[in-house]
Amino acid sequence: MRVDDYLSTIGVIKRRTVAKDLGVNGLLETNGRKIKPAYTVNVGDIIRIKGSRPLSIEVLDIPTRSVPKKDRDQYFKILA
């Protein structure tokens, strides 16, 4: 799954277009490297979102379809 799609599917970012813009503007990193919106997410990746509200998450699982709000926390873990 693409990183922009992953971030919007699990609810970290509300819209995929916003996630895509973050990647295009160099505000997404995984495992210490800048990534593009088409980067394929893998379990265990650490995704860092830079910007006005920085956030780091660890990928725990990759959804195969839409994720209900109550189940979203099983797909990622927020890091300090």
Protein backbone atom coordinates (compact mmCIF):
# COMPACT_ATOMS: atom_id res chain seq x y z
CA MET A 1 0.00 0.00 0.00
CA ARG A 2 1.26 3.49 -0.85
CA VAL A 3 2.24 5.66 2.11
CA ASP A 4 -0.26 8.41 1.20
CA ASP A 5 -3.08 5.85 1.01
CA TYR A 6 -1.94 4.17 4.24
CA LEU A 7 -1.90 7.42 6.23
CA SER A 8 -5.39 8.37 5.09
CA THR A 9 -6.85 4.84 5.49
CA ILE A 10 -5.72 4.54 9.12
CA GLY A 11 -6.89 8.08 9.88
CA VAL A 12 -3.55 9.72 10.72
CA ILE A 13 -4.19 12.25 7.93
CA LYS A 14 -7.77 13.05 6.95
CA ARG A 15 -7.35 13.16 3.16
CA ARG A 16 -5.07 11.29 0.79
CA THR A 17 -4.34 14.47 -1.17
CA VAL A 18 -2.94 16.08 1.98
CA ALA A 19 -0.72 13.03 2.58
CA LYS A 20 0.40 13.15 -1.05
CA ASP A 21 1.31 16.85 -0.73
CA LEU A 22 3.39 16.09 2.37
CA GLY A 23 5.38 13.52 0.41
CA VAL A 24 5.84 15.78 -2.62
CA ASN A 25 7.10 18.58 -0.35
CA GLY A 26 9.63 16.34 1.43
CA LEU A 27 7.82 16.21 4.77
CA LEU A 28 7.57 12.40 4.99
CA GLU A 29 10.41 10.15 6.12
CA THR A 30 10.68 6.48 6.84
CA ASN A 31 13.59 4.83 8.56
CA GLY A 32 15.56 8.09 8.29
CA ARG A 33 15.07 8.68 4.54
CA LYS A 34 12.77 11.09 2.72
CA ILE A 35 10.08 9.28 0.79
CA LYS A 36 7.69 10.03 -2.06
CA PRO A 37 3.92 9.46 -1.82
CA ALA A 38 4.22 6.23 -3.85
CA TYR A 39 6.55 4.58 -1.30
CA THR A 40 5.27 1.09 -0.41
CA VAL A 41 4.70 0.79 3.34
CA ASN A 42 6.07 -2.29 5.13
CA VAL A 43 5.28 -3.63 8.59
CA GLY A 44 7.85 -2.27 11.03
CA ASP A 45 8.49 0.99 9.14
CA ILE A 46 8.83 4.13 11.24
CA ILE A 47 7.06 6.97 9.43
CA ARG A 48 7.89 10.54 10.47
CA ILE A 49 5.62 13.37 9.43
CA LYS A 50 7.31 16.76 9.60
CA GLY A 51 5.64 20.14 9.58
CA SER A 52 3.64 22.24 12.00
CA ARG A 53 2.48 19.14 13.93
CA PRO A 54 5.28 16.55 13.70
CA LEU A 55 4.38 12.95 14.38
CA SER A 56 6.17 9.59 14.33
CA ILE A 57 4.33 6.29 13.97
CA GLU A 58 5.34 2.65 13.70
CA VAL A 59 3.49 0.50 11.15
CA LEU A 60 2.02 -2.53 12.93
CA ASP A 61 -0.14 -3.90 10.11
CA ILE A 62 -1.35 -2.92 6.65
CA PRO A 63 -5.11 -2.75 6.04
CA THR A 64 -6.64 -4.41 3.00
CA ARG A 65 -9.78 -2.22 3.00
CA SER A 66 -11.34 0.69 4.87
CA VAL A 67 -10.73 0.67 8.59
CA PRO A 68 -13.45 1.56 11.13
CA LYS A 69 -12.41 4.22 13.66
CA LYS A 70 -12.54 1.78 16.56
CA ASP A 71 -10.02 -0.56 14.86
CA ARG A 72 -7.48 2.00 13.62
CA ASP A 73 -5.12 1.70 16.58
CA GLN A 74 -4.22 -1.89 15.65
CA TYR A 75 -2.52 -0.67 12.45
CA PHE A 76 -0.08 1.85 13.96
CA LYS A 77 1.57 2.93 17.19
CA ILE A 78 2.36 6.57 17.97
CA LEU A 79 5.98 7.06 19.03
CA ALA A 80 7.32 9.86 21.24
